């Protein structure tokens, strides 16, 4: 399940985020542009605490320092960060 929170239609799916995330608990939920809805972090913490299976949520978004700090405080012990570099020209060329 992929949600781009810059799309109003995807953002509306999270009008009741707890309901939506529980109803889709059997799927990997990828949340892009999470900085649009920073209040999700505390809910994610609670859901992870209830079910510690790894890899249920993939959270993407801007690497704003305050967002990273807040998510780290809220999700301490429940989160793993990966910093990805931009594409380089050779990776974009087709054969």
PDB file of N, CA and C in Angstrom:
ATOM      1  N   UNK A   1       0.863  -1.162   0.000  1.00  0.00           N
ATOM      2  CA  UNK A   1       0.000   0.000   0.000  1.00  0.00           C
ATOM      3  C   UNK A   1       0.912   1.227   0.000  1.00  0.00           C
ATOM      4  N   UNK A   2       0.752   2.101  -0.970  1.00  0.00           N
ATOM      5  CA  UNK A   2       1.569   3.308  -1.071  1.00  0.00           C
ATOM      6  C   UNK A   2       0.690   4.539  -0.898  1.00  0.00           C
ATOM      7  N   UNK A   3       1.091   5.417   0.002  1.00  0.00           N
ATOM      8  CA  UNK A   3       0.389   6.687   0.218  1.00  0.00           C
ATOM      9  C   UNK A   3       1.346   7.833  -0.040  1.00  0.00           C
ATOM     10  N   UNK A   4       0.981   8.730  -0.923  1.00  0.00           N
ATOM     11  CA  UNK A   4       1.735   9.962  -1.151  1.00  0.00           C
ATOM     12  C   UNK A   4       0.925  11.080  -0.496  1.00  0.00           C
ATOM     13  N   UNK A   5       1.407  11.567   0.639  1.00  0.00           N
ATOM     14  CA  UNK A   5       0.610  12.529   1.403  1.00  0.00           C
ATOM     15  C   UNK A   5       0.551  13.915   0.792  1.00  0.00           C
ATOM     16  N   UNK A   6       1.184  14.107  -0.355  1.00  0.00           N
ATOM     17  CA  UNK A   6       0.988  15.355  -1.088  1.00  0.00           C
ATOM     18  C   UNK A   6      -0.220  15.270  -2.016  1.00  0.00           C
ATOM     19  N   UNK A   7      -0.776  14.072  -2.149  1.00  0.00           N
ATOM     20  CA  UNK A   7      -2.002  13.902  -2.927  1.00  0.00           C
ATOM     21  C   UNK A   7      -3.198  13.996  -1.987  1.00  0.00           C
ATOM     22  N   UNK A   8      -4.113  14.901  -2.235  1.00  0.00           N
ATOM     23  CA  UNK A   8      -5.282  15.031  -1.356  1.00  0.00           C
ATOM     24  C   UNK A   8      -6.043  13.720  -1.179  1.00  0.00           C
ATOM     25  N   UNK A   9      -6.140  12.918  -2.226  1.00  0.00           N
ATOM     26  CA  UNK A   9      -6.878  11.651  -2.115  1.00  0.00           C
ATOM     27  C   UNK A   9      -6.202  10.700  -1.133  1.00  0.00           C
ATOM     28  N   UNK A  10      -4.871  10.651  -1.124  1.00  0.00           N
ATOM     29  CA  UNK A  10      -4.166   9.789  -0.174  1.00  0.00           C
ATOM     30  C   UNK A  10      -4.220  10.370   1.232  1.00  0.00           C
ATOM     31  N   UNK A  11      -4.148  11.663   1.336  1.00  0.00           N
ATOM     32  CA  UNK A  11      -4.232  12.308   2.649  1.00  0.00           C
ATOM     33  C   UNK A  11      -5.602  12.058   3.283  1.00  0.00           C
ATOM     34  N   UNK A  12      -6.654  12.058   2.466  1.00  0.00           N
ATOM     35  CA  UNK A  12      -8.010  11.786   2.973  1.00  0.00           C
ATOM     36  C   UNK A  12      -8.131  10.371   3.537  1.00  0.00           C
ATOM     37  N   UNK A  13      -7.352   9.436   2.998  1.00  0.00           N
ATOM     38  CA  UNK A  13      -7.379   8.073   3.521  1.00  0.00           C
ATOM     39  C   UNK A  13      -6.950   8.041   4.985  1.00  0.00           C
ATOM     40  N   UNK A  14      -6.187   9.047   5.393  1.00  0.00           N
ATOM     41  CA  UNK A  14      -5.721   9.111   6.772  1.00  0.00           C
ATOM     42  C   UNK A  14      -6.547  10.073   7.617  1.00  0.00           C
ATOM     43  N   UNK A  15      -7.793  10.313   7.216  1.00  0.00           N
ATOM     44  CA  UNK A  15      -8.685  11.132   8.038  1.00  0.00           C
ATOM     45  C   UNK A  15      -8.840  10.485   9.413  1.00  0.00           C
ATOM     46  N   UNK A  16      -8.894   9.169   9.433  1.00  0.00           N
ATOM     47  CA  UNK A  16      -8.863   8.388  10.677  1.00  0.00           C
ATOM     48  C   UNK A  16      -7.669   7.445  10.533  1.00  0.00           C
ATOM     49  N   UNK A  17      -6.471   7.935  10.824  1.00  0.00           N
ATOM     50  CA  UNK A  17      -5.267   7.151  10.533  1.00  0.00           C
ATOM     51  C   UNK A  17      -5.199   5.831  11.297  1.00  0.00           C
ATOM     52  N   UNK A  18      -5.680   5.798  12.523  1.00  0.00           N
ATOM     53  CA  UNK A  18      -5.620   4.548  13.287  1.00  0.00           C
ATOM     54  C   UNK A  18      -6.464   3.472  12.608  1.00  0.00           C
ATOM     55  N   UNK A  19      -7.656   3.825  12.192  1.00  0.00           N
ATOM     56  CA  UNK A  19      -8.528   2.869  11.497  1.00  0.00           C
ATOM     57  C   UNK A  19      -7.867   2.386  10.212  1.00  0.00           C
ATOM     58  N   UNK A  20      -7.375   3.321   9.402  1.00  0.00           N
ATOM     59  CA  UNK A  20      -6.772   2.954   8.116  1.00  0.00           C
ATOM     60  C   UNK A  20      -5.574   2.028   8.313  1.00  0.00           C
ATOM     61  N   UNK A  21      -4.680   2.373   9.236  1.00  0.00           N
ATOM     62  CA  UNK A  21      -3.471   1.577   9.433  1.00  0.00           C
ATOM     63  C   UNK A  21      -3.799   0.205  10.019  1.00  0.00           C
ATOM     64  N   UNK A  22      -4.788   0.122  10.870  1.00  0.00           N
ATOM     65  CA  UNK A  22      -5.189  -1.190  11.411  1.00  0.00           C
ATOM     66  C   UNK A  22      -5.853  -2.056  10.337  1.00  0.00           C
ATOM     67  N   UNK A  23      -6.689  -1.443   9.521  1.00  0.00           N
ATOM     68  CA  UNK A  23      -7.365  -2.194   8.454  1.00  0.00           C
ATOM     69  C   UNK A  23      -6.376  -2.741   7.428  1.00  0.00           C
ATOM     70  N   UNK A  24      -5.233  -2.127   7.306  1.00  0.00           N
ATOM     71  CA  UNK A  24      -4.214  -2.548   6.342  1.00  0.00           C
ATOM     72  C   UNK A  24      -2.987  -3.136   7.029  1.00  0.00           C
ATOM     73  N   UNK A  25      -3.171  -3.649   8.225  1.00  0.00           N
ATOM     74  CA  UNK A  25      -2.059  -4.164   9.024  1.00  0.00           C
ATOM     75  C   UNK A  25      -1.365  -5.362   8.383  1.00  0.00           C
ATOM     76  N   UNK A  26      -2.031  -6.044   7.468  1.00  0.00           N
ATOM     77  CA  UNK A  26      -1.434  -7.203   6.814  1.00  0.00           C
ATOM     78  C   UNK A  26      -0.576  -6.824   5.611  1.00  0.00           C
ATOM     79  N   UNK A  27      -0.452  -5.527   5.323  1.00  0.00           N
ATOM     80  CA  UNK A  27       0.301  -5.040   4.166  1.00  0.00           C
ATOM     81  C   UNK A  27       1.476  -4.178   4.614  1.00  0.00           C
ATOM     82  N   UNK A  28       2.505  -4.100   3.771  1.00  0.00           N
ATOM     83  CA  UNK A  28       3.538  -3.092   3.965  1.00  0.00           C
ATOM     84  C   UNK A  28       2.905  -1.759   3.593  1.00  0.00           C
ATOM     85  N   UNK A  29       2.993  -0.796   4.482  1.00  0.00           N
ATOM     86  CA  UNK A  29       2.416   0.518   4.219  1.00  0.00           C
ATOM     87  C   UNK A  29       3.562   1.496   4.036  1.00  0.00           C
ATOM     88  N   UNK A  30       3.671   2.016   2.825  1.00  0.00           N
ATOM     89  CA  UNK A  30       4.702   2.994   2.484  1.00  0.00           C
ATOM     90  C   UNK A  30       4.053   4.373   2.520  1.00  0.00           C
ATOM     91  N   UNK A  31       4.578   5.236   3.390  1.00  0.00           N
ATOM     92  CA  UNK A  31       4.022   6.579   3.553  1.00  0.00           C
ATOM     93  C   UNK A  31       5.060   7.578   3.062  1.00  0.00           C
ATOM     94  N   UNK A  32       4.802   8.174   1.909  1.00  0.00           N
ATOM     95  CA  UNK A  32       5.719   9.156   1.324  1.00  0.00           C
ATOM     96  C   UNK A  32       5.284  10.561   1.721  1.00  0.00           C
ATOM     97  N   UNK A  33       6.255  11.427   1.881  1.00  0.00           N
ATOM     98  CA  UNK A  33       6.042  12.824   2.278  1.00  0.00           C
ATOM     99  C   UNK A  33       5.404  12.903   3.662  1.00  0.00           C
ATOM    100  N   UNK A  34       5.915  12.092   4.571  1.00  0.00           N
ATOM    101  CA  UNK A  34       5.362  12.008   5.930  1.00  0.00           C
ATOM    102  C   UNK A  34       5.430  13.342   6.664  1.00  0.00           C
ATOM    103  N   UNK A  35       6.301  14.237   6.247  1.00  0.00           N
ATOM    104  CA  UNK A  35       6.404  15.536   6.917  1.00  0.00           C
ATOM    105  C   UNK A  35       5.110  16.337   6.806  1.00  0.00           C
ATOM    106  N   UNK A  36       4.240  15.970   5.881  1.00  0.00           N
ATOM    107  CA  UNK A  36       2.937  16.634   5.745  1.00  0.00           C
ATOM    108  C   UNK A  36       2.043  16.330   6.952  1.00  0.00           C
ATOM    109  N   UNK A  37       2.250  15.181   7.573  1.00  0.00           N
ATOM    110  CA  UNK A  37       1.397  14.749   8.692  1.00  0.00           C
ATOM    111  C   UNK A  37       2.278  14.224   9.837  1.00  0.00           C
ATOM    112  N   UNK A  38       3.015  15.111  10.491  1.00  0.00           N
ATOM    113  CA  UNK A  38       3.965  14.672  11.521  1.00  0.00           C
ATOM    114  C   UNK A  38       3.317  14.029  12.742  1.00  0.00           C
ATOM    115  N   UNK A  39       2.020  14.215  12.941  1.00  0.00           N
ATOM    116  CA  UNK A  39       1.345  13.582  14.076  1.00  0.00           C
ATOM    117  C   UNK A  39       1.229  12.067  13.914  1.00  0.00           C
ATOM    118  N   UNK A  40       1.580  11.544  12.747  1.00  0.00           N
ATOM    119  CA  UNK A  40       1.535  10.097  12.536  1.00  0.00           C
ATOM    120  C   UNK A  40       2.569   9.355  13.379  1.00  0.00           C
ATOM    121  N   UNK A  41       3.670  10.038  13.743  1.00  0.00           N
ATOM    122  CA  UNK A  41       4.750   9.342  14.436  1.00  0.00           C
ATOM    123  C   UNK A  41       4.296   8.718  15.759  1.00  0.00           C
ATOM    124  N   UNK A  42       3.504   9.431  16.532  1.00  0.00           N
ATOM    125  CA  UNK A  42       3.066   8.863  17.814  1.00  0.00           C
ATOM    126  C   UNK A  42       2.126   7.679  17.592  1.00  0.00           C
ATOM    127  N   UNK A  43       1.289   7.725  16.568  1.00  0.00           N
ATOM    128  CA  UNK A  43       0.415   6.601  16.247  1.00  0.00           C
ATOM    129  C   UNK A  43       1.244   5.405  15.781  1.00  0.00           C
ATOM    130  N   UNK A  44       2.231   5.652  14.928  1.00  0.00           N
ATOM    131  CA  UNK A  44       3.091   4.565  14.472  1.00  0.00           C
ATOM    132  C   UNK A  44       3.783   3.898  15.656  1.00  0.00           C
ATOM    133  N   UNK A  45       4.243   4.704  16.607  1.00  0.00           N
ATOM    134  CA  UNK A  45       4.889   4.154  17.801  1.00  0.00           C
ATOM    135  C   UNK A  45       3.945   3.195  18.523  1.00  0.00           C
ATOM    136  N   UNK A  46       2.708   3.622  18.732  1.00  0.00           N
ATOM    137  CA  UNK A  46       1.738   2.786  19.451  1.00  0.00           C
ATOM    138  C   UNK A  46       1.446   1.505  18.675  1.00  0.00           C
ATOM    139  N   UNK A  47       1.297   1.592  17.366  1.00  0.00           N
ATOM    140  CA  UNK A  47       1.007   0.405  16.562  1.00  0.00           C
ATOM    141  C   UNK A  47       2.188  -0.556  16.541  1.00  0.00           C
ATOM    142  N   UNK A  48       3.393  -0.029  16.469  1.00  0.00           N
ATOM    143  CA  UNK A  48       4.583  -0.879  16.498  1.00  0.00           C
ATOM    144  C   UNK A  48       4.714  -1.548  17.858  1.00  0.00           C
ATOM    145  N   UNK A  49       4.399  -0.827  18.920  1.00  0.00           N
ATOM    146  CA  UNK A  49       4.479  -1.414  20.257  1.00  0.00           C
ATOM    147  C   UNK A  49       3.491  -2.572  20.429  1.00  0.00           C
ATOM    148  N   UNK A  50       2.357  -2.499  19.772  1.00  0.00           N
ATOM    149  CA  UNK A  50       1.353  -3.577  19.874  1.00  0.00           C
ATOM    150  C   UNK A  50       1.724  -4.787  19.023  1.00  0.00           C
ATOM    151  N   UNK A  51       2.449  -4.553  17.937  1.00  0.00           N
ATOM    152  CA  UNK A  51       2.840  -5.633  17.027  1.00  0.00           C
ATOM    153  C   UNK A  51       4.255  -5.341  16.546  1.00  0.00           C
ATOM    154  N   UNK A  52       5.242  -6.033  17.107  1.00  0.00           N
ATOM    155  CA  UNK A  52       6.650  -5.737  16.871  1.00  0.00           C
ATOM    156  C   UNK A  52       7.223  -6.363  15.600  1.00  0.00           C
ATOM    157  N   UNK A  53       6.371  -6.878  14.721  1.00  0.00           N
ATOM    158  CA  UNK A  53       6.899  -7.418  13.461  1.00  0.00           C
ATOM    159  C   UNK A  53       7.628  -6.318  12.706  1.00  0.00           C
ATOM    160  N   UNK A  54       8.860  -6.573  12.294  1.00  0.00           N
ATOM    161  CA  UNK A  54       9.607  -5.540  11.557  1.00  0.00           C
ATOM    162  C   UNK A  54       9.102  -5.392  10.120  1.00  0.00           C
ATOM    163  N   UNK A  55       9.335  -4.228   9.550  1.00  0.00           N
ATOM    164  CA  UNK A  55       9.049  -4.002   8.151  1.00  0.00           C
ATOM    165  C   UNK A  55       7.605  -3.769   7.802  1.00  0.00           C
ATOM    166  N   UNK A  56       6.806  -3.316   8.745  1.00  0.00           N
ATOM    167  CA  UNK A  56       5.384  -3.062   8.455  1.00  0.00           C
ATOM    168  C   UNK A  56       5.161  -1.697   7.850  1.00  0.00           C
ATOM    169  N   UNK A  57       6.037  -0.746   8.176  1.00  0.00           N
ATOM    170  CA  UNK A  57       5.897   0.620   7.685  1.00  0.00           C
ATOM    171  C   UNK A  57       7.200   1.065   7.037  1.00  0.00           C
ATOM    172  N   UNK A  58       7.071   1.718   5.896  1.00  0.00           N
ATOM    173  CA  UNK A  58       8.203   2.361   5.235  1.00  0.00           C
ATOM    174  C   UNK A  58       7.841   3.833   5.161  1.00  0.00           C
ATOM    175  N   UNK A  59       8.590   4.654   5.883  1.00  0.00           N
ATOM    176  CA  UNK A  59       8.259   6.071   6.008  1.00  0.00           C
ATOM    177  C   UNK A  59       9.292   6.866   5.226  1.00  0.00           C
ATOM    178  N   UNK A  60       8.812   7.641   4.262  1.00  0.00           N
ATOM    179  CA  UNK A  60       9.675   8.443   3.406  1.00  0.00           C
ATOM    180  C   UNK A  60       9.316   9.913   3.562  1.00  0.00           C
ATOM    181  N   UNK A  61      10.272  10.764   3.272  1.00  0.00           N
ATOM    182  CA  UNK A  61       9.968  12.190   3.307  1.00  0.00           C
ATOM    183  C   UNK A  61      11.213  13.023   3.380  1.00  0.00           C
ATOM    184  N   UNK A  62      11.008  14.299   3.497  1.00  0.00           N
ATOM    185  CA  UNK A  62      12.116  15.231   3.556  1.00  0.00           C
ATOM    186  C   UNK A  62      12.969  14.973   4.778  1.00  0.00           C
ATOM    187  N   UNK A  63      14.245  15.198   4.611  1.00  0.00           N
ATOM    188  CA  UNK A  63      15.192  14.963   5.698  1.00  0.00           C
ATOM    189  C   UNK A  63      15.386  16.220   6.541  1.00  0.00           C
ATOM    190  N   UNK A  64      14.302  16.919   6.813  1.00  0.00           N
ATOM    191  CA  UNK A  64      14.401  18.106   7.658  1.00  0.00           C
ATOM    192  C   UNK A  64      14.891  17.693   9.034  1.00  0.00           C
ATOM    193  N   UNK A  65      15.860  18.425   9.568  1.00  0.00           N
ATOM    194  CA  UNK A  65      16.475  18.058  10.851  1.00  0.00           C
ATOM    195  C   UNK A  65      15.448  17.932  11.973  1.00  0.00           C
ATOM    196  N   UNK A  66      14.499  18.852  12.034  1.00  0.00           N
ATOM    197  CA  UNK A  66      13.522  18.781  13.133  1.00  0.00           C
ATOM    198  C   UNK A  66      12.627  17.559  12.994  1.00  0.00           C
ATOM    199  N   UNK A  67      12.283  17.165  11.758  1.00  0.00           N
ATOM    200  CA  UNK A  67      11.467  15.978  11.542  1.00  0.00           C
ATOM    201  C   UNK A  67      12.232  14.737  11.973  1.00  0.00           C
ATOM    202  N   UNK A  68      13.486  14.645  11.606  1.00  0.00           N
ATOM    203  CA  UNK A  68      14.293  13.494  11.987  1.00  0.00           C
ATOM    204  C   UNK A  68      14.437  13.433  13.504  1.00  0.00           C
ATOM    205  N   UNK A  69      14.681  14.558  14.131  1.00  0.00           N
ATOM    206  CA  UNK A  69      14.836  14.583  15.583  1.00  0.00           C
ATOM    207  C   UNK A  69      13.536  14.150  16.266  1.00  0.00           C
ATOM    208  N   UNK A  70      12.406  14.697  15.818  1.00  0.00           N
ATOM    209  CA  UNK A  70      11.112  14.342  16.417  1.00  0.00           C
ATOM    210  C   UNK A  70      10.775  12.874  16.219  1.00  0.00           C
ATOM    211  N   UNK A  71      11.000  12.372  15.003  1.00  0.00           N
ATOM    212  CA  UNK A  71      10.693  10.963  14.753  1.00  0.00           C
ATOM    213  C   UNK A  71      11.616  10.070  15.562  1.00  0.00           C
ATOM    214  N   UNK A  72      12.864  10.464  15.710  1.00  0.00           N
ATOM    215  CA  UNK A  72      13.802   9.684  16.506  1.00  0.00           C
ATOM    216  C   UNK A  72      13.409   9.637  17.966  1.00  0.00           C
ATOM    217  N   UNK A  73      12.909  10.741  18.488  1.00  0.00           N
ATOM    218  CA  UNK A  73      12.464  10.769  19.880  1.00  0.00           C
ATOM    219  C   UNK A  73      11.195   9.941  20.056  1.00  0.00           C
ATOM    220  N   UNK A  74      10.268  10.077  19.129  1.00  0.00           N
ATOM    221  CA  UNK A  74       8.991   9.370  19.232  1.00  0.00           C
ATOM    222  C   UNK A  74       9.147   7.878  18.984  1.00  0.00           C
ATOM    223  N   UNK A  75      10.000   7.525  18.025  1.00  0.00           N
ATOM    224  CA  UNK A  75      10.124   6.125  17.618  1.00  0.00           C
ATOM    225  C   UNK A  75      11.430   5.489  18.090  1.00  0.00           C
ATOM    226  N   UNK A  76      12.030   6.008  19.117  1.00  0.00           N
ATOM    227  CA  UNK A  76      13.302   5.478  19.618  1.00  0.00           C
ATOM    228  C   UNK A  76      13.200   3.975  19.845  1.00  0.00           C
ATOM    229  N   UNK A  77      14.161   3.243  19.310  1.00  0.00           N
ATOM    230  CA  UNK A  77      14.168   1.795  19.446  1.00  0.00           C
ATOM    231  C   UNK A  77      13.242   1.083  18.493  1.00  0.00           C
ATOM    232  N   UNK A  78      12.530   1.823  17.659  1.00  0.00           N
ATOM    233  CA  UNK A  78      11.549   1.221  16.756  1.00  0.00           C
ATOM    234  C   UNK A  78      11.793   1.628  15.303  1.00  0.00           C
ATOM    235  N   UNK A  79      12.876   2.347  15.026  1.00  0.00           N
ATOM    236  CA  UNK A  79      13.082   2.932  13.715  1.00  0.00           C
ATOM    237  C   UNK A  79      14.508   2.678  13.249  1.00  0.00           C
ATOM    238  N   UNK A  80      14.659   2.569  11.939  1.00  0.00           N
ATOM    239  CA  UNK A  80      15.974   2.441  11.323  1.00  0.00           C
ATOM    240  C   UNK A  80      16.027   3.432  10.172  1.00  0.00           C
ATOM    241  N   UNK A  81      17.075   4.242  10.127  1.00  0.00           N
ATOM    242  CA  UNK A  81      17.210   5.267   9.097  1.00  0.00           C
ATOM    243  C   UNK A  81      18.139   4.788   7.995  1.00  0.00           C
ATOM    244  N   UNK A  82      17.776   5.087   6.770  1.00  0.00           N
ATOM    245  CA  UNK A  82      18.638   4.882   5.610  1.00  0.00           C
ATOM    246  C   UNK A  82      18.705   6.200   4.864  1.00  0.00           C
ATOM    247  N   UNK A  83      19.909   6.703   4.680  1.00  0.00           N
ATOM    248  CA  UNK A  83      20.077   7.918   3.893  1.00  0.00           C
ATOM    249  C   UNK A  83      20.489   7.509   2.499  1.00  0.00           C
ATOM    250  N   UNK A  84      19.695   7.886   1.523  1.00  0.00           N
ATOM    251  CA  UNK A  84      19.948   7.517   0.139  1.00  0.00           C
ATOM    252  C   UNK A  84      20.538   8.699  -0.607  1.00  0.00           C
ATOM    253  N   UNK A  85      21.554   8.417  -1.405  1.00  0.00           N
ATOM    254  CA  UNK A  85      22.155   9.482  -2.201  1.00  0.00           C
ATOM    255  C   UNK A  85      21.314   9.687  -3.459  1.00  0.00           C
ATOM    256  N   UNK A  86      21.457  10.840  -4.083  1.00  0.00           N
ATOM    257  CA  UNK A  86      20.717  11.071  -5.335  1.00  0.00           C
ATOM    258  C   UNK A  86      21.233  10.144  -6.436  1.00  0.00           C
ATOM    259  N   UNK A  87      20.447   9.990  -7.483  1.00  0.00           N
ATOM    260  CA  UNK A  87      20.904   9.225  -8.645  1.00  0.00           C
ATOM    261  C   UNK A  87      22.103   9.917  -9.276  1.00  0.00           C
ATOM    262  N   UNK A  88      22.986   9.125  -9.836  1.00  0.00           N
ATOM    263  CA  UNK A  88      24.071   9.686 -10.645  1.00  0.00           C
ATOM    264  C   UNK A  88      23.738   9.414 -12.107  1.00  0.00           C
ATOM    265  N   UNK A  89      24.336  10.184 -12.992  1.00  0.00           N
ATOM    266  CA  UNK A  89      23.997  10.122 -14.413  1.00  0.00           C
ATOM    267  C   UNK A  89      24.093   8.703 -14.960  1.00  0.00           C
ATOM    268  N   UNK A  90      25.123   7.953 -14.590  1.00  0.00           N
ATOM    269  CA  UNK A  90      25.302   6.593 -15.098  1.00  0.00           C
ATOM    270  C   UNK A  90      24.128   5.687 -14.719  1.00  0.00           C
ATOM    271  N   UNK A  91      23.515   5.913 -13.573  1.00  0.00           N
ATOM    272  CA  UNK A  91      22.382   5.086 -13.160  1.00  0.00           C
ATOM    273  C   UNK A  91      21.126   5.387 -13.983  1.00  0.00           C
ATOM    274  N   UNK A  92      21.065   6.565 -14.567  1.00  0.00           N
ATOM    275  CA  UNK A  92      19.877   6.958 -15.316  1.00  0.00           C
ATOM    276  C   UNK A  92      19.941   6.584 -16.795  1.00  0.00           C
ATOM    277  N   UNK A  93      21.128   6.266 -17.281  1.00  0.00           N
ATOM    278  CA  UNK A  93      21.281   5.930 -18.690  1.00  0.00           C
ATOM    279  C   UNK A  93      20.757   4.530 -18.953  1.00  0.00           C
ATOM    280  N   UNK A  94      20.074   4.392 -20.071  1.00  0.00           N
ATOM    281  CA  UNK A  94      19.566   3.068 -20.464  1.00  0.00           C
ATOM    282  C   UNK A  94      20.546   2.438 -21.429  1.00  0.00           C
ATOM    283  N   UNK A  95      20.523   1.130 -21.494  1.00  0.00           N
ATOM    284  CA  UNK A  95      21.435   0.392 -22.388  1.00  0.00           C
ATOM    285  C   UNK A  95      20.855   0.239 -23.746  1.00  0.00           C
TER     286      UNK A  95
END
